[in-house]
Amino acid sequence: MRMNPAPGRTLLLGFRILVGVLRPMMVRLTDPHWTGAENLPPDGGYIVVANHMTNADPVSFGHFLVDNHVPVKVLSKAELFRIPVFGRIVSSAGMIPVERGTAQAGDSLRAAKDALARGEVVGVFPEGTLTHDPGGWPMRGKSGAARLALETGAPVIPIAHWGMHRIMPPHTGRIITLRKQRVDVAAGPPVDLSDLLGQELTGPVLREATDRMMGEVRRLLAEIRGEEPPAREWNIAVDGNMKEAIRAQSRAIPRDRKAEGFLSDVLRRLGLKREHLEGSEPLDPDAAAPPAPSTDPSPPPEPGEPRA
């Protein structure tokens, strides 16, 4: 397809390569059901925040944005930028690297601010990793997207998507079927943070903004699924790390050998191997930053009351 992005939103060579390889894959594998495109601002910089269940999610919500003429710059772990060939592609696509656990982690926020100021659209997965909720619901969000929104005043558009797990099960780097699967993507109206703008960015303020963002994502996802979400978000610090348990369940799902060959061909064209996908989660920038001294630290995790 021919994209026609708004002024300030760059359509770089690397992004064209990614679209050229990955959009045909999505057309081949998915039956898209999209709603809420009217909520995407027609111009100016803004932030999109989304839930994160599979390693294919950036492609899923990217497909939605691309077909609405929105090239998105996603925050992604820096290790991806060091993969030969693929690293050059994502770098030349304008994606934003996050150096996890280093003093350079804050550079991603500065790069994201610069992109927003130019009129770009920045994608953030506030959970910072694939969800550990066994039911696939979004976890408690990190504060990076909130910090970015409150420091820049950029609109925040919540996006929920559901269905890619039927193609690529959670916490794996493989696809299990070539049969088209329904994939829903819904964009909501901008999250109202107006009363928080201009306030000192204390822990409680950032938590409130983050919870509003994630609350809208959960609301949209509940509408897609036709289910009520749990009363409380999964919090790894309180509820536990479920990565290996979920991965074991995913790997037990029977797969189509032809699907494996199809994925291998797509990855080869991007200079990737399947193991590169196993830990390729895009990030919330504050999920990567090392702890820093503060006179007003974020509050500790809530007590582990039973989840509904």
Foldseek 3Di string as FASTA:
>chain_A
DDADADQLADAFPLNVLCCVLLVVLCVQAADEDEEALVQDDRWAEAEEEEAAAALCVVSVVCNVQVVSRALEAEEWACVQLVQPQLVVSNVRSNHAHADFPDPCLCVSLVSSLVSRVSTHYYYAHQCFFHDLPPVRAGAQGHLQVVVSCQVRVHWYKYKYKDKCCQQPNGLFLFGADSHYIYMYMYIDHTQDLPVLRPDDPFQVSSSVSSCSRSVVNRVVVCVVVVHHDKPHGDDCVANHGRNVVRVVVSVPDHGDPVRRVVSCVSQVSSSHDSVCSSGTDRGRSRNRYDDDDDPRHHDDDDHNDDID
